[in-house]
Amino acid sequence: MQVEVHAEAVSNNWNFNAYVLVTIREVEQKINWFYTPDALDTYGLDVGYFIAPELNASVSYYYRSVDSSKADASGVLARLAYEVTSGVTAGVNLSYV
């Protein structure tokens, strides 16, 4: 079971988003006969800037921690998104882990 805490601040030009997902009770879930995943804790920050009213560029950083410490990782994500019409957005993501 996980708990998520999320905070967001938005202005006409900028948007900031910070989040934390923390495991509070581990429940072992077997995916198949071979693999049982570990619980992840995730911490992240997104910063976006509206280049134009329908064009948004953003950069994100996240850190993932695993109980077993075998797979701790961090990564960055860059995104460019264009709002084609109200409710329809097309975007390109570039990520590095």
PDB file of N, CA and C in Angstrom:
ATOM      1  N   MET A   1       0.842  -1.162   0.000  1.00  0.00           N
ATOM      2  CA  MET A   1       0.000   0.000   0.000  1.00  0.00           C
ATOM      3  C   MET A   1       0.897   1.238   0.000  1.00  0.00           C
ATOM      4  N   GLN A   2       0.512   2.241  -0.777  1.00  0.00           N
ATOM      5  CA  GLN A   2       1.282   3.477  -0.862  1.00  0.00           C
ATOM      6  C   GLN A   2       0.404   4.678  -0.516  1.00  0.00           C
ATOM      7  N   VAL A   3       1.081   5.722  -0.057  1.00  0.00           N
ATOM      8  CA  VAL A   3       0.441   7.012   0.183  1.00  0.00           C
ATOM      9  C   VAL A   3       1.139   8.021  -0.710  1.00  0.00           C
ATOM     10  N   GLU A   4       0.354   8.892  -1.326  1.00  0.00           N
ATOM     11  CA  GLU A   4       0.922   9.924  -2.188  1.00  0.00           C
ATOM     12  C   GLU A   4       0.617  11.295  -1.611  1.00  0.00           C
ATOM     13  N   VAL A   5       1.640  12.143  -1.574  1.00  0.00           N
ATOM     14  CA  VAL A   5       1.481  13.547  -1.195  1.00  0.00           C
ATOM     15  C   VAL A   5       1.915  14.354  -2.405  1.00  0.00           C
ATOM     16  N   HIS A   6       1.073  15.297  -2.784  1.00  0.00           N
ATOM     17  CA  HIS A   6       1.267  16.015  -4.038  1.00  0.00           C
ATOM     18  C   HIS A   6       1.012  17.495  -3.780  1.00  0.00           C
ATOM     19  N   ALA A   7       1.928  18.372  -4.205  1.00  0.00           N
ATOM     20  CA  ALA A   7       1.740  19.816  -4.077  1.00  0.00           C
ATOM     21  C   ALA A   7       2.012  20.453  -5.433  1.00  0.00           C
ATOM     22  N   GLU A   8       1.154  21.412  -5.805  1.00  0.00           N
ATOM     23  CA  GLU A   8       1.275  22.033  -7.115  1.00  0.00           C
ATOM     24  C   GLU A   8       1.061  23.530  -7.002  1.00  0.00           C
ATOM     25  N   ALA A   9       1.856  24.293  -7.742  1.00  0.00           N
ATOM     26  CA  ALA A   9       1.683  25.750  -7.829  1.00  0.00           C
ATOM     27  C   ALA A   9       1.713  26.115  -9.308  1.00  0.00           C
ATOM     28  N   VAL A  10       0.733  26.912  -9.739  1.00  0.00           N
ATOM     29  CA  VAL A  10       0.595  27.260 -11.148  1.00  0.00           C
ATOM     30  C   VAL A  10       0.385  28.761 -11.278  1.00  0.00           C
ATOM     31  N   SER A  11       1.095  29.360 -12.234  1.00  0.00           N
ATOM     32  CA  SER A  11       0.869  30.758 -12.577  1.00  0.00           C
ATOM     33  C   SER A  11       0.564  30.816 -14.077  1.00  0.00           C
ATOM     34  N   ASN A  12       0.476  32.014 -14.621  1.00  0.00           N
ATOM     35  CA  ASN A  12       0.217  32.138 -16.054  1.00  0.00           C
ATOM     36  C   ASN A  12       1.367  31.602 -16.900  1.00  0.00           C
ATOM     37  N   ASN A  13       2.593  31.681 -16.383  1.00  0.00           N
ATOM     38  CA  ASN A  13       3.759  31.256 -17.154  1.00  0.00           C
ATOM     39  C   ASN A  13       4.432  29.991 -16.633  1.00  0.00           C
ATOM     40  N   TRP A  14       4.369  29.734 -15.337  1.00  0.00           N
ATOM     41  CA  TRP A  14       5.108  28.645 -14.712  1.00  0.00           C
ATOM     42  C   TRP A  14       4.169  27.659 -14.033  1.00  0.00           C
ATOM     43  N   ASN A  15       4.630  26.419 -13.897  1.00  0.00           N
ATOM     44  CA  ASN A  15       3.948  25.447 -13.048  1.00  0.00           C
ATOM     45  C   ASN A  15       4.998  24.588 -12.348  1.00  0.00           C
ATOM     46  N   PHE A  16       4.780  24.349 -11.058  1.00  0.00           N
ATOM     47  CA  PHE A  16       5.669  23.544 -10.226  1.00  0.00           C
ATOM     48  C   PHE A  16       4.847  22.425  -9.606  1.00  0.00           C
ATOM     49  N   ASN A  17       5.427  21.248  -9.549  1.00  0.00           N
ATOM     50  CA  ASN A  17       4.727  20.086  -9.028  1.00  0.00           C
ATOM     51  C   ASN A  17       5.735  19.234  -8.262  1.00  0.00           C
ATOM     52  N   ALA A  18       5.496  19.021  -6.986  1.00  0.00           N
ATOM     53  CA  ALA A  18       6.342  18.153  -6.168  1.00  0.00           C
ATOM     54  C   ALA A  18       5.483  16.997  -5.660  1.00  0.00           C
ATOM     55  N   TYR A  19       6.065  15.809  -5.632  1.00  0.00           N
ATOM     56  CA  TYR A  19       5.287  14.647  -5.189  1.00  0.00           C
ATOM     57  C   TYR A  19       6.168  13.642  -4.467  1.00  0.00           C
ATOM     58  N   VAL A  20       5.517  12.875  -3.598  1.00  0.00           N
ATOM     59  CA  VAL A  20       6.167  11.805  -2.845  1.00  0.00           C
ATOM     60  C   VAL A  20       5.206  10.629  -2.811  1.00  0.00           C
ATOM     61  N   LEU A  21       5.675   9.448  -3.157  1.00  0.00           N
ATOM     62  CA  LEU A  21       4.919   8.213  -3.016  1.00  0.00           C
ATOM     63  C   LEU A  21       5.703   7.317  -2.072  1.00  0.00           C
ATOM     64  N   VAL A  22       5.122   6.988  -0.938  1.00  0.00           N
ATOM     65  CA  VAL A  22       5.827   6.233   0.093  1.00  0.00           C
ATOM     66  C   VAL A  22       5.043   4.975   0.427  1.00  0.00           C
ATOM     67  N   THR A  23       5.759   3.870   0.536  1.00  0.00           N
ATOM     68  CA  THR A  23       5.148   2.605   0.927  1.00  0.00           C
ATOM     69  C   THR A  23       4.935   2.613   2.429  1.00  0.00           C
ATOM     70  N   ILE A  24       3.694   2.394   2.860  1.00  0.00           N
ATOM     71  CA  ILE A  24       3.433   2.360   4.296  1.00  0.00           C
ATOM     72  C   ILE A  24       3.191   0.942   4.806  1.00  0.00           C
ATOM     73  N   ARG A  25       2.814   0.067   3.913  1.00  0.00           N
ATOM     74  CA  ARG A  25       2.631  -1.329   4.290  1.00  0.00           C
ATOM     75  C   ARG A  25       2.939  -2.177   3.072  1.00  0.00           C
ATOM     76  N   GLU A  26       3.924  -3.024   3.212  1.00  0.00           N
ATOM     77  CA  GLU A  26       4.300  -3.871   2.088  1.00  0.00           C
ATOM     78  C   GLU A  26       3.366  -5.065   1.998  1.00  0.00           C
ATOM     79  N   VAL A  27       2.848  -5.263   0.810  1.00  0.00           N
ATOM     80  CA  VAL A  27       2.035  -6.437   0.516  1.00  0.00           C
ATOM     81  C   VAL A  27       2.696  -7.109  -0.677  1.00  0.00           C
ATOM     82  N   GLU A  28       3.180  -8.306  -0.468  1.00  0.00           N
ATOM     83  CA  GLU A  28       3.889  -8.994  -1.541  1.00  0.00           C
ATOM     84  C   GLU A  28       2.911  -9.373  -2.644  1.00  0.00           C
ATOM     85  N   GLN A  29       3.226  -8.934  -3.843  1.00  0.00           N
ATOM     86  CA  GLN A  29       2.402  -9.239  -5.009  1.00  0.00           C
ATOM     87  C   GLN A  29       3.259  -9.997  -6.020  1.00  0.00           C
ATOM     88  N   LYS A  30       2.905 -11.205  -6.266  1.00  0.00           N
ATOM     89  CA  LYS A  30       3.652 -12.015  -7.233  1.00  0.00           C
ATOM     90  C   LYS A  30       3.126 -11.695  -8.630  1.00  0.00           C
ATOM     91  N   ILE A  31       4.038 -11.332  -9.544  1.00  0.00           N
ATOM     92  CA  ILE A  31       3.638 -10.996 -10.910  1.00  0.00           C
ATOM     93  C   ILE A  31       3.494 -12.248 -11.759  1.00  0.00           C
ATOM     94  N   ASN A  32       4.422 -13.163 -11.602  1.00  0.00           N
ATOM     95  CA  ASN A  32       4.346 -14.439 -12.306  1.00  0.00           C
ATOM     96  C   ASN A  32       5.078 -15.493 -11.469  1.00  0.00           C
ATOM     97  N   TRP A  33       5.306 -16.650 -12.012  1.00  0.00           N
ATOM     98  CA  TRP A  33       5.935 -17.731 -11.263  1.00  0.00           C
ATOM     99  C   TRP A  33       7.368 -17.421 -10.860  1.00  0.00           C
ATOM    100  N   PHE A  34       7.991 -16.425 -11.501  1.00  0.00           N
ATOM    101  CA  PHE A  34       9.407 -16.135 -11.277  1.00  0.00           C
ATOM    102  C   PHE A  34       9.649 -14.832 -10.526  1.00  0.00           C
ATOM    103  N   TYR A  35       8.845 -13.836 -10.767  1.00  0.00           N
ATOM    104  CA  TYR A  35       9.177 -12.474 -10.333  1.00  0.00           C
ATOM    105  C   TYR A  35       8.218 -11.941  -9.269  1.00  0.00           C
ATOM    106  N   THR A  36       8.783 -11.473  -8.159  1.00  0.00           N
ATOM    107  CA  THR A  36       8.047 -10.768  -7.109  1.00  0.00           C
ATOM    108  C   THR A  36       8.739  -9.423  -6.913  1.00  0.00           C
ATOM    109  N   PRO A  37       8.093  -8.311  -7.287  1.00  0.00           N
ATOM    110  CA  PRO A  37       8.761  -7.009  -7.227  1.00  0.00           C
ATOM    111  C   PRO A  37       8.869  -6.472  -5.807  1.00  0.00           C
ATOM    112  N   ASP A  38       9.821  -5.566  -5.608  1.00  0.00           N
ATOM    113  CA  ASP A  38       9.971  -4.857  -4.347  1.00  0.00           C
ATOM    114  C   ASP A  38       9.113  -3.596  -4.366  1.00  0.00           C
ATOM    115  N   ALA A  39       8.800  -3.073  -3.191  1.00  0.00           N
ATOM    116  CA  ALA A  39       8.044  -1.832  -3.080  1.00  0.00           C
ATOM    117  C   ALA A  39       8.948  -0.643  -3.399  1.00  0.00           C
ATOM    118  N   LEU A  40       8.417   0.335  -4.100  1.00  0.00           N
ATOM    119  CA  LEU A  40       9.164   1.535  -4.480  1.00  0.00           C
ATOM    120  C   LEU A  40       8.686   2.744  -3.685  1.00  0.00           C
ATOM    121  N   ASP A  41       9.632   3.580  -3.278  1.00  0.00           N
ATOM    122  CA  ASP A  41       9.326   4.925  -2.789  1.00  0.00           C
ATOM    123  C   ASP A  41       9.830   5.870  -3.866  1.00  0.00           C
ATOM    124  N   THR A  42       9.014   6.859  -4.244  1.00  0.00           N
ATOM    125  CA  THR A  42       9.364   7.773  -5.325  1.00  0.00           C
ATOM    126  C   THR A  42       9.221   9.208  -4.860  1.00  0.00           C
ATOM    127  N   TYR A  43      10.210  10.038  -5.222  1.00  0.00           N
ATOM    128  CA  TYR A  43      10.211  11.465  -4.899  1.00  0.00           C
ATOM    129  C   TYR A  43      10.476  12.215  -6.198  1.00  0.00           C
ATOM    130  N   GLY A  44       9.717  13.261  -6.476  1.00  0.00           N
ATOM    131  CA  GLY A  44       9.921  13.947  -7.749  1.00  0.00           C
ATOM    132  C   GLY A  44       9.563  15.414  -7.717  1.00  0.00           C
ATOM    133  N   LEU A  45      10.088  16.133  -8.702  1.00  0.00           N
ATOM    134  CA  LEU A  45       9.822  17.561  -8.879  1.00  0.00           C
ATOM    135  C   LEU A  45       9.710  17.844 -10.370  1.00  0.00           C
ATOM    136  N   ASP A  46       8.631  18.512 -10.769  1.00  0.00           N
ATOM    137  CA  ASP A  46       8.417  18.918 -12.156  1.00  0.00           C
ATOM    138  C   ASP A  46       8.365  20.437 -12.204  1.00  0.00           C
ATOM    139  N   VAL A  47       9.029  21.023 -13.203  1.00  0.00           N
ATOM    140  CA  VAL A  47       8.985  22.470 -13.424  1.00  0.00           C
ATOM    141  C   VAL A  47       8.645  22.683 -14.891  1.00  0.00           C
ATOM    142  N   GLY A  48       7.594  23.465 -15.136  1.00  0.00           N
ATOM    143  CA  GLY A  48       7.173  23.716 -16.508  1.00  0.00           C
ATOM    144  C   GLY A  48       7.049  25.199 -16.796  1.00  0.00           C
ATOM    145  N   TYR A  49       7.204  25.544 -18.068  1.00  0.00           N
ATOM    146  CA  TYR A  49       7.097  26.938 -18.506  1.00  0.00           C
ATOM    147  C   TYR A  49       6.256  26.987 -19.778  1.00  0.00           C
ATOM    148  N   PHE A  50       5.266  27.873 -19.803  1.00  0.00           N
ATOM    149  CA  PHE A  50       4.426  28.045 -20.982  1.00  0.00           C
ATOM    150  C   PHE A  50       5.122  28.999 -21.946  1.00  0.00           C
ATOM    151  N   ILE A  51       5.664  28.472 -23.026  1.00  0.00           N
ATOM    152  CA  ILE A  51       6.318  29.267 -24.057  1.00  0.00           C
ATOM    153  C   ILE A  51       5.278  30.123 -24.774  1.00  0.00           C
ATOM    154  N   ALA A  52       4.145  29.535 -25.035  1.00  0.00           N
ATOM    155  CA  ALA A  52       2.970  30.195 -25.611  1.00  0.00           C
ATOM    156  C   ALA A  52       1.775  29.594 -24.885  1.00  0.00           C
ATOM    157  N   PRO A  53       0.591  30.196 -24.985  1.00  0.00           N
ATOM    158  CA  PRO A  53      -0.559  29.644 -24.247  1.00  0.00           C
ATOM    159  C   PRO A  53      -0.829  28.164 -24.512  1.00  0.00           C
ATOM    160  N   GLU A  54      -0.512  27.677 -25.702  1.00  0.00           N
ATOM    161  CA  GLU A  54      -0.760  26.267 -26.001  1.00  0.00           C
ATOM    162  C   GLU A  54       0.500  25.409 -26.068  1.00  0.00           C
ATOM    163  N   LEU A  55       1.668  25.990 -25.771  1.00  0.00           N
ATOM    164  CA  LEU A  55       2.931  25.263 -25.842  1.00  0.00           C
ATOM    165  C   LEU A  55       3.637  25.289 -24.488  1.00  0.00           C
ATOM    166  N   ASN A  56       3.842  24.100 -23.901  1.00  0.00           N
ATOM    167  CA  ASN A  56       4.440  23.985 -22.572  1.00  0.00           C
ATOM    168  C   ASN A  56       5.705  23.136 -22.636  1.00  0.00           C
ATOM    169  N   ALA A  57       6.777  23.648 -22.046  1.00  0.00           N
ATOM    170  CA  ALA A  57       8.024  22.885 -21.916  1.00  0.00           C
ATOM    171  C   ALA A  57       8.228  22.589 -20.435  1.00  0.00           C
ATOM    172  N   SER A  58       8.659  21.372 -20.117  1.00  0.00           N
ATOM    173  CA  SER A  58       8.869  21.038 -18.708  1.00  0.00           C
ATOM    174  C   SER A  58      10.075  20.125 -18.545  1.00  0.00           C
ATOM    175  N   VAL A  59      10.643  20.178 -17.342  1.00  0.00           N
ATOM    176  CA  VAL A  59      11.759  19.315 -16.949  1.00  0.00           C
ATOM    177  C   VAL A  59      11.389  18.698 -15.607  1.00  0.00           C
ATOM    178  N   SER A  60      11.639  17.415 -15.475  1.00  0.00           N
ATOM    179  CA  SER A  60      11.297  16.689 -14.255  1.00  0.00           C
ATOM    180  C   SER A  60      12.512  15.909 -13.757  1.00  0.00           C
ATOM    181  N   TYR A  61      12.599  15.783 -12.438  1.00  0.00           N
ATOM    182  CA  TYR A  61      13.605  14.933 -11.803  1.00  0.00           C
ATOM    183  C   TYR A  61      12.883  14.018 -10.829  1.00  0.00           C
ATOM    184  N   TYR A  62      13.271  12.759 -10.796  1.00  0.00           N
ATOM    185  CA  TYR A  62      12.686  11.847  -9.811  1.00  0.00           C
ATOM    186  C   TYR A  62      13.754  10.912  -9.263  1.00  0.00           C
ATOM    187  N   TYR A  63      13.499  10.433  -8.056  1.00  0.00           N
ATOM    188  CA  TYR A  63      14.374   9.464  -7.404  1.00  0.00           C
ATOM    189  C   TYR A  63      13.502   8.325  -6.910  1.00  0.00           C
ATOM    190  N   ARG A  64      13.897   7.100  -7.204  1.00  0.00           N
ATOM    191  CA  ARG A  64      13.167   5.916  -6.759  1.00  0.00           C
ATOM    192  C   ARG A  64      14.061   5.083  -5.874  1.00  0.00           C
ATOM    193  N   SER A  65      13.519   4.713  -4.738  1.00  0.00           N
ATOM    194  CA  SER A  65      14.256   3.930  -3.757  1.00  0.00           C
ATOM    195  C   SER A  65      13.529   2.605  -3.542  1.00  0.00           C
ATOM    196  N   VAL A  66      14.293   1.533  -3.501  1.00  0.00           N
ATOM    197  CA  VAL A  66      13.744   0.193  -3.296  1.00  0.00           C
ATOM    198  C   VAL A  66      14.252  -0.336  -1.961  1.00  0.00           C
ATOM    199  N   ASP A  67      13.406  -1.032  -1.242  1.00  0.00           N
ATOM    200  CA  ASP A  67      13.797  -1.580   0.063  1.00  0.00           C
ATOM    201  C   ASP A  67      15.098  -2.370   0.003  1.00  0.00           C
ATOM    202  N   SER A  68      15.256  -3.163  -1.023  1.00  0.00           N
ATOM    203  CA  SER A  68      16.433  -4.014  -1.106  1.00  0.00           C
ATOM    204  C   SER A  68      17.678  -3.250  -1.561  1.00  0.00           C
ATOM    205  N   SER A  69      17.535  -1.987  -1.950  1.00  0.00           N
ATOM    206  CA  SER A  69      18.633  -1.119  -2.395  1.00  0.00           C
ATOM    207  C   SER A  69      19.364  -1.636  -3.619  1.00  0.00           C
ATOM    208  N   LYS A  70      18.790  -2.605  -4.310  1.00  0.00           N
ATOM    209  CA  LYS A  70      19.412  -3.133  -5.522  1.00  0.00           C
ATOM    210  C   LYS A  70      19.157  -2.223  -6.714  1.00  0.00           C
ATOM    211  N   ALA A  71      18.044  -1.528  -6.691  1.00  0.00           N
ATOM    212  CA  ALA A  71      17.626  -0.824  -7.898  1.00  0.00           C
ATOM    213  C   ALA A  71      17.310   0.650  -7.649  1.00  0.00           C
ATOM    214  N   ASP A  72      17.952   1.271  -6.650  1.00  0.00           N
ATOM    215  CA  ASP A  72      17.743   2.707  -6.461  1.00  0.00           C
ATOM    216  C   ASP A  72      18.157   3.415  -7.747  1.00  0.00           C
ATOM    217  N   ALA A  73      17.362   4.386  -8.161  1.00  0.00           N
ATOM    218  CA  ALA A  73      17.657   5.068  -9.419  1.00  0.00           C
ATOM    219  C   ALA A  73      17.083   6.470  -9.392  1.00  0.00           C
ATOM    220  N   SER A  74      17.674   7.318 -10.200  1.00  0.00           N
ATOM    221  CA  SER A  74      17.101   8.640 -10.412  1.00  0.00           C
ATOM    222  C   SER A  74      17.082   8.893 -11.907  1.00  0.00           C
ATOM    223  N   GLY A  75      16.275   9.850 -12.313  1.00  0.00           N
ATOM    224  CA  GLY A  75      16.174  10.122 -13.732  1.00  0.00           C
ATOM    225  C   GLY A  75      15.653  11.518 -13.992  1.00  0.00           C
ATOM    226  N   VAL A  76      15.786  11.938 -15.229  1.00  0.00           N
ATOM    227  CA  VAL A  76      15.263  13.220 -15.662  1.00  0.00           C
ATOM    228  C   VAL A  76      14.377  12.990 -16.879  1.00  0.00           C
ATOM    229  N   LEU A  77      13.422  13.891 -17.038  1.00  0.00           N
ATOM    230  CA  LEU A  77      12.474  13.814 -18.145  1.00  0.00           C
ATOM    231  C   LEU A  77      12.259  15.218 -18.671  1.00  0.00           C
ATOM    232  N   ALA A  78      12.424  15.401 -19.959  1.00  0.00           N
ATOM    233  CA  ALA A  78      12.114  16.673 -20.611  1.00  0.00           C
ATOM    234  C   ALA A  78      10.896  16.444 -21.494  1.00  0.00           C
ATOM    235  N   ARG A  79       9.981  17.403 -21.491  1.00  0.00           N
ATOM    236  CA  ARG A  79       8.739  17.252 -22.254  1.00  0.00           C
ATOM    237  C   ARG A  79       8.389  18.549 -22.945  1.00  0.00           C
ATOM    238  N   LEU A  80       7.939  18.432 -24.172  1.00  0.00           N
ATOM    239  CA  LEU A  80       7.404  19.551 -24.929  1.00  0.00           C
ATOM    240  C   LEU A  80       6.007  19.140 -25.359  1.00  0.00           C
ATOM    241  N   ALA A  81       5.005  19.905 -24.932  1.00  0.00           N
ATOM    242  CA  ALA A  81       3.614  19.536 -25.181  1.00  0.00           C
ATOM    243  C   ALA A  81       2.873  20.686 -25.860  1.00  0.00           C
ATOM    244  N   TYR A  82       2.048  20.337 -26.838  1.00  0.00           N
ATOM    245  CA  TYR A  82       1.258  21.317 -27.582  1.00  0.00           C
ATOM    246  C   TYR A  82      -0.217  20.960 -27.458  1.00  0.00           C
ATOM    247  N   GLU A  83      -1.024  21.917 -27.020  1.00  0.00           N
ATOM    248  CA  GLU A  83      -2.468  21.690 -26.901  1.00  0.00           C
ATOM    249  C   GLU A  83      -3.106  21.942 -28.258  1.00  0.00           C
ATOM    250  N   VAL A  84      -3.474  20.858 -28.933  1.00  0.00           N
ATOM    251  CA  VAL A  84      -4.045  20.937 -30.274  1.00  0.00           C
ATOM    252  C   VAL A  84      -5.407  21.606 -30.226  1.00  0.00           C
ATOM    253  N   THR A  85      -6.291  21.112 -29.376  1.00  0.00           N
ATOM    254  CA  THR A  85      -7.590  21.714 -29.097  1.00  0.00           C
ATOM    255  C   THR A  85      -7.851  21.519 -27.610  1.00  0.00           C
ATOM    256  N   SER A  86      -8.911  22.085 -27.125  1.00  0.00           N
ATOM    257  CA  SER A  86      -9.239  21.944 -25.711  1.00  0.00           C
ATOM    258  C   SER A  86      -9.386  20.467 -25.345  1.00  0.00           C
ATOM    259  N   GLY A  87      -8.540  19.999 -24.452  1.00  0.00           N
ATOM    260  CA  GLY A  87      -8.602  18.614 -24.004  1.00  0.00           C
ATOM    261  C   GLY A  87      -7.771  17.641 -24.822  1.00  0.00           C
ATOM    262  N   VAL A  88      -7.128  18.098 -25.904  1.00  0.00           N
ATOM    263  CA  VAL A  88      -6.288  17.222 -26.723  1.00  0.00           C
ATOM    264  C   VAL A  88      -4.883  17.820 -26.778  1.00  0.00           C
ATOM    265  N   THR A  89      -3.906  17.065 -26.264  1.00  0.00           N
ATOM    266  CA  THR A  89      -2.522  17.532 -26.215  1.00  0.00           C
ATOM    267  C   THR A  89      -1.621  16.506 -26.881  1.00  0.00           C
ATOM    268  N   ALA A  90      -0.684  16.984 -27.703  1.00  0.00           N
ATOM    269  CA  ALA A  90       0.335  16.131 -28.300  1.00  0.00           C
ATOM    270  C   ALA A  90       1.665  16.521 -27.687  1.00  0.00           C
ATOM    271  N   GLY A  91       2.502  15.542 -27.399  1.00  0.00           N
ATOM    272  CA  GLY A  91       3.759  15.854 -26.740  1.00  0.00           C
ATOM    273  C   GLY A  91       4.878  14.914 -27.121  1.00  0.00           C
ATOM    274  N   VAL A  92       6.093  15.366 -26.828  1.00  0.00           N
ATOM    275  CA  VAL A  92       7.296  14.572 -27.032  1.00  0.00           C
ATOM    276  C   VAL A  92       8.042  14.535 -25.712  1.00  0.00           C
ATOM    277  N   ASN A  93       8.430  13.333 -25.291  1.00  0.00           N
ATOM    278  CA  ASN A  93       9.188  13.140 -24.058  1.00  0.00           C
ATOM    279  C   ASN A  93      10.584  12.625 -24.391  1.00  0.00           C
ATOM    280  N   LEU A  94      11.564  13.094 -23.610  1.00  0.00           N
ATOM    281  CA  LEU A  94      12.920  12.578 -23.684  1.00  0.00           C
ATOM    282  C   LEU A  94      13.336  12.295 -22.247  1.00  0.00           C
ATOM    283  N   SER A  95      13.697  11.039 -21.958  1.00  0.00           N
ATOM    284  CA  SER A  95      14.024  10.696 -20.575  1.00  0.00           C
ATOM    285  C   SER A  95      15.377  10.001 -20.493  1.00  0.00           C
ATOM    286  N   TYR A  96      15.966  10.109 -19.302  1.00  0.00           N
ATOM    287  CA  TYR A  96      17.233   9.460 -19.023  1.00  0.00           C
ATOM    288  C   TYR A  96      17.180   8.913 -17.597  1.00  0.00           C
ATOM    289  N   VAL A  97      17.498   7.642 -17.452  1.00  0.00           N
ATOM    290  CA  VAL A  97      17.507   7.008 -16.134  1.00  0.00           C
ATOM    291  C   VAL A  97      18.912   6.586 -15.819  1.00  0.00           C
TER     292      VAL A  97
END
